[in-house]
């Protein structure tokens, strides 16, 4: 049995994809912006979008590949920032 997709799903997929491309956004940022889960965003832009708008899918796929190759850098930066803030707080607490 073939699954029938609604027009809303198609529209949402395209809106998410365009937002991601225009803002160079990650899946996490897009999910936050649209108020849906990361899983839904990923499913929409990799699975559903491929059925509705293949050209747009290919563009988003490129962005996702770049984001995937850079995520270890973003994760490391977030960790560095976290511990830098903790160190700053501890320094302020020890000052007279």
N, C-alpha and C. Protein backbone atom coordinates (compact mmCIF):
# COMPACT_ATOMS: atom_id res chain seq x y z
N UNK A 1 0.84 -1.18 0.00
CA UNK A 1 0.00 0.00 0.00
C UNK A 1 0.88 1.24 0.00
N UNK A 2 0.61 2.15 -0.89
CA UNK A 2 1.39 3.37 -1.02
C UNK A 2 0.90 4.41 -0.03
N UNK A 3 1.85 5.06 0.64
CA UNK A 3 1.50 6.08 1.62
C UNK A 3 1.18 7.39 0.90
N UNK A 4 0.09 8.02 1.29
CA UNK A 4 -0.31 9.29 0.69
C UNK A 4 0.20 10.43 1.56
N UNK A 5 0.91 11.38 0.95
CA UNK A 5 1.46 12.52 1.68
C UNK A 5 0.56 13.72 1.49
N UNK A 6 0.39 14.46 2.53
CA UNK A 6 -0.47 15.63 2.45
C UNK A 6 0.28 16.82 1.87
N UNK A 7 -0.46 17.81 1.41
CA UNK A 7 0.14 19.03 0.89
C UNK A 7 0.92 19.76 1.98
N UNK A 8 0.44 19.65 3.22
CA UNK A 8 1.13 20.31 4.33
C UNK A 8 2.53 19.76 4.52
N UNK A 9 2.68 18.46 4.37
CA UNK A 9 4.00 17.85 4.51
C UNK A 9 4.93 18.37 3.44
N UNK A 10 4.45 18.43 2.22
CA UNK A 10 5.26 18.94 1.12
C UNK A 10 5.67 20.38 1.37
N UNK A 11 4.71 21.18 1.78
CA UNK A 11 4.99 22.60 2.06
C UNK A 11 5.98 22.75 3.21
N UNK A 12 5.80 21.96 4.26
CA UNK A 12 6.71 22.03 5.41
C UNK A 12 8.12 21.63 5.01
N UNK A 13 8.24 20.58 4.22
CA UNK A 13 9.56 20.12 3.77
C UNK A 13 10.29 21.23 3.01
N UNK A 14 9.58 21.87 2.12
CA UNK A 14 10.19 22.93 1.32
C UNK A 14 10.53 24.15 2.17
N UNK A 15 9.67 24.50 3.11
CA UNK A 15 9.94 25.64 4.00
C UNK A 15 11.19 25.38 4.84
N UNK A 16 11.28 24.19 5.39
CA UNK A 16 12.44 23.84 6.21
C UNK A 16 13.71 23.89 5.36
N UNK A 17 13.65 23.29 4.18
CA UNK A 17 14.82 23.25 3.29
C UNK A 17 15.27 24.66 2.92
N UNK A 18 14.33 25.51 2.56
CA UNK A 18 14.67 26.89 2.18
C UNK A 18 15.26 27.64 3.36
N UNK A 19 14.69 27.45 4.54
CA UNK A 19 15.22 28.10 5.74
C UNK A 19 16.67 27.65 5.99
N UNK A 20 16.90 26.35 5.88
CA UNK A 20 18.24 25.82 6.13
C UNK A 20 19.24 26.40 5.13
N UNK A 21 18.86 26.48 3.87
CA UNK A 21 19.76 26.99 2.85
C UNK A 21 20.02 28.50 3.01
N UNK A 22 18.96 29.26 3.27
CA UNK A 22 19.10 30.71 3.40
C UNK A 22 19.91 31.11 4.62
N UNK A 23 19.80 30.32 5.69
CA UNK A 23 20.47 30.67 6.95
C UNK A 23 21.66 29.79 7.27
N UNK A 24 22.01 28.90 6.33
CA UNK A 24 23.11 27.96 6.56
C UNK A 24 22.92 27.26 7.90
N UNK A 25 21.68 26.83 8.15
CA UNK A 25 21.28 26.31 9.45
C UNK A 25 21.53 24.81 9.56
N UNK A 26 21.71 24.38 10.78
CA UNK A 26 21.83 22.96 11.09
C UNK A 26 20.43 22.38 11.30
N UNK A 27 20.35 21.07 11.38
CA UNK A 27 19.08 20.40 11.65
C UNK A 27 18.54 20.88 12.99
N UNK A 28 19.41 21.01 13.97
CA UNK A 28 19.00 21.44 15.31
C UNK A 28 18.40 22.85 15.27
N UNK A 29 19.04 23.77 14.54
CA UNK A 29 18.52 25.14 14.44
C UNK A 29 17.17 25.16 13.73
N UNK A 30 17.04 24.37 12.67
CA UNK A 30 15.77 24.33 11.93
C UNK A 30 14.66 23.75 12.81
N UNK A 31 14.99 22.72 13.57
CA UNK A 31 14.00 22.11 14.45
C UNK A 31 13.52 23.12 15.49
N UNK A 32 14.45 23.87 16.03
CA UNK A 32 14.11 24.89 17.02
C UNK A 32 13.24 25.98 16.39
N UNK A 33 13.59 26.40 15.20
CA UNK A 33 12.87 27.47 14.50
C UNK A 33 11.43 27.07 14.18
N UNK A 34 11.23 25.81 13.76
CA UNK A 34 9.90 25.35 13.36
C UNK A 34 9.13 24.66 14.48
N UNK A 35 9.77 24.47 15.63
CA UNK A 35 9.09 23.86 16.76
C UNK A 35 8.77 22.39 16.57
N UNK A 36 9.65 21.69 15.88
CA UNK A 36 9.47 20.26 15.67
C UNK A 36 10.76 19.55 16.06
N UNK A 37 10.72 18.24 16.08
CA UNK A 37 11.90 17.47 16.52
C UNK A 37 12.97 17.43 15.43
N UNK A 38 14.20 17.17 15.87
CA UNK A 38 15.31 17.02 14.92
C UNK A 38 15.05 15.85 13.99
N UNK A 39 14.44 14.81 14.53
CA UNK A 39 14.14 13.63 13.71
C UNK A 39 13.18 13.97 12.58
N UNK A 40 12.19 14.79 12.87
CA UNK A 40 11.22 15.19 11.86
C UNK A 40 11.88 16.04 10.79
N UNK A 41 12.73 16.97 11.21
CA UNK A 41 13.45 17.81 10.24
C UNK A 41 14.30 16.94 9.34
N UNK A 42 15.05 16.04 9.94
CA UNK A 42 15.93 15.19 9.15
C UNK A 42 15.14 14.31 8.18
N UNK A 43 14.05 13.76 8.67
CA UNK A 43 13.20 12.91 7.81
C UNK A 43 12.61 13.73 6.67
N UNK A 44 12.18 14.94 6.97
CA UNK A 44 11.59 15.79 5.94
C UNK A 44 12.60 16.18 4.87
N UNK A 45 13.79 16.59 5.27
CA UNK A 45 14.75 17.10 4.27
C UNK A 45 15.55 16.00 3.57
N UNK A 46 15.57 14.80 4.13
CA UNK A 46 16.31 13.73 3.45
C UNK A 46 15.38 12.73 2.77
N UNK A 47 14.25 12.46 3.36
CA UNK A 47 13.34 11.46 2.79
C UNK A 47 12.21 12.06 2.00
N UNK A 48 11.38 12.83 2.68
CA UNK A 48 10.19 13.37 2.04
C UNK A 48 10.51 14.38 0.94
N UNK A 49 11.46 15.25 1.18
CA UNK A 49 11.80 16.28 0.19
C UNK A 49 12.28 15.66 -1.12
N UNK A 50 12.95 14.54 -1.02
CA UNK A 50 13.46 13.85 -2.20
C UNK A 50 12.31 13.49 -3.15
N UNK A 51 11.15 13.19 -2.59
CA UNK A 51 9.97 12.82 -3.39
C UNK A 51 9.30 14.04 -4.01
N UNK A 52 9.38 15.19 -3.32
CA UNK A 52 8.65 16.37 -3.74
C UNK A 52 9.47 17.31 -4.63
N UNK A 53 10.73 17.52 -4.26
CA UNK A 53 11.53 18.52 -4.95
C UNK A 53 12.99 18.04 -4.95
N UNK A 54 13.34 17.27 -5.95
CA UNK A 54 14.65 16.62 -5.97
C UNK A 54 15.80 17.63 -6.04
N UNK A 55 15.63 18.69 -6.80
CA UNK A 55 16.70 19.71 -6.90
C UNK A 55 16.97 20.34 -5.55
N UNK A 56 15.92 20.70 -4.84
CA UNK A 56 16.08 21.30 -3.52
C UNK A 56 16.70 20.29 -2.56
N UNK A 57 16.31 19.04 -2.68
CA UNK A 57 16.88 17.98 -1.86
C UNK A 57 18.39 17.90 -2.04
N UNK A 58 18.85 17.97 -3.29
CA UNK A 58 20.29 17.88 -3.55
C UNK A 58 21.06 19.04 -2.91
N UNK A 59 20.47 20.24 -2.94
CA UNK A 59 21.12 21.40 -2.32
C UNK A 59 21.20 21.23 -0.80
N UNK A 60 20.12 20.76 -0.21
CA UNK A 60 20.10 20.56 1.24
C UNK A 60 21.05 19.43 1.62
N UNK A 61 21.14 18.41 0.80
CA UNK A 61 22.05 17.30 1.07
C UNK A 61 23.49 17.80 1.14
N UNK A 62 23.85 18.71 0.25
CA UNK A 62 25.20 19.30 0.29
C UNK A 62 25.43 20.01 1.62
N UNK A 63 24.44 20.80 2.05
CA UNK A 63 24.55 21.52 3.31
C UNK A 63 24.67 20.54 4.48
N UNK A 64 23.88 19.48 4.47
CA UNK A 64 23.95 18.49 5.54
C UNK A 64 25.31 17.80 5.58
N UNK A 65 25.87 17.55 4.40
CA UNK A 65 27.20 16.92 4.34
C UNK A 65 28.26 17.85 4.93
N UNK A 66 28.16 19.15 4.63
CA UNK A 66 29.10 20.12 5.20
C UNK A 66 28.93 20.18 6.71
N UNK A 67 27.68 20.27 7.16
CA UNK A 67 27.42 20.33 8.60
C UNK A 67 27.96 19.09 9.31
N UNK A 68 27.79 17.94 8.68
CA UNK A 68 28.27 16.70 9.28
C UNK A 68 29.79 16.69 9.38
N UNK A 69 30.45 17.22 8.37
CA UNK A 69 31.92 17.23 8.39
C UNK A 69 32.46 18.24 9.40
N UNK A 70 31.65 19.24 9.77
CA UNK A 70 32.09 20.28 10.70
C UNK A 70 31.60 20.09 12.12
N UNK A 71 30.75 19.11 12.37
CA UNK A 71 30.12 19.02 13.68
C UNK A 71 31.11 18.75 14.81
N UNK A 72 32.19 18.04 14.53
CA UNK A 72 33.17 17.80 15.59
C UNK A 72 33.84 19.11 16.01
N UNK A 73 33.97 20.05 15.08
CA UNK A 73 34.55 21.35 15.40
C UNK A 73 33.59 22.15 16.27
N UNK A 74 32.31 22.16 15.88
CA UNK A 74 31.31 22.89 16.66
C UNK A 74 31.17 22.30 18.06
N UNK A 75 31.22 20.98 18.15
CA UNK A 75 31.13 20.32 19.46
C UNK A 75 32.32 20.67 20.33
N UNK A 76 33.50 20.68 19.75
CA UNK A 76 34.71 21.04 20.50
C UNK A 76 34.66 22.48 20.95
N UNK A 77 34.16 23.36 20.12
CA UNK A 77 34.05 24.78 20.47
C UNK A 77 33.06 24.96 21.61
N UNK A 78 31.96 24.25 21.58
CA UNK A 78 30.96 24.34 22.65
C UNK A 78 31.55 23.87 23.98
N UNK A 79 32.31 22.79 23.93
CA UNK A 79 32.95 22.28 25.15
C UNK A 79 33.97 23.28 25.69
N UNK A 80 34.76 23.86 24.79
CA UNK A 80 35.76 24.85 25.20
C UNK A 80 35.07 26.04 25.86
N UNK A 81 33.99 26.50 25.26
CA UNK A 81 33.24 27.64 25.81
C UNK A 81 32.67 27.30 27.18
N UNK A 82 32.12 26.12 27.33
CA UNK A 82 31.53 25.69 28.59
C UNK A 82 32.56 25.73 29.72
N UNK A 83 33.72 25.11 29.47
CA UNK A 83 34.73 25.06 30.53
C UNK A 83 35.40 26.40 30.76
N UNK A 84 35.43 27.24 29.76
CA UNK A 84 35.95 28.59 29.92
C UNK A 84 35.04 29.39 30.86
N UNK A 85 33.74 29.23 30.68
CA UNK A 85 32.77 29.91 31.55
C UNK A 85 32.86 29.39 32.98
N UNK A 86 33.01 28.10 33.14
CA UNK A 86 33.14 27.51 34.48
C UNK A 86 34.39 28.05 35.16
N UNK A 87 35.48 28.13 34.43
CA UNK A 87 36.74 28.64 34.98
C UNK A 87 36.57 30.10 35.41
N UNK A 88 35.87 30.89 34.60
CA UNK A 88 35.64 32.30 34.91
C UNK A 88 34.81 32.44 36.19
N UNK A 89 33.80 31.61 36.34
CA UNK A 89 32.96 31.66 37.53
C UNK A 89 33.76 31.30 38.77
N UNK A 90 34.58 30.26 38.67
CA UNK A 90 35.41 29.85 39.81
C UNK A 90 36.41 30.94 40.17
N UNK A 91 36.96 31.61 39.18
CA UNK A 91 37.92 32.69 39.43
C UNK A 91 37.24 33.83 40.17
N UNK A 92 36.03 34.18 39.77
CA UNK A 92 35.30 35.26 40.45
C UNK A 92 34.96 34.90 41.88
N UNK A 93 34.68 33.63 42.14
CA UNK A 93 34.32 33.19 43.50
C UNK A 93 35.52 33.23 44.43
N UNK A 94 36.72 33.03 43.90
CA UNK A 94 37.91 33.02 44.75
C UNK A 94 38.48 34.41 45.01
N UNK A 95 38.05 35.40 44.26
CA UNK A 95 38.51 36.77 44.47
C UNK A 95 37.91 37.34 45.75
N UNK A 96 38.70 38.14 46.52
CA UNK A 96 38.17 38.70 47.76
C UNK A 96 37.17 39.79 47.55
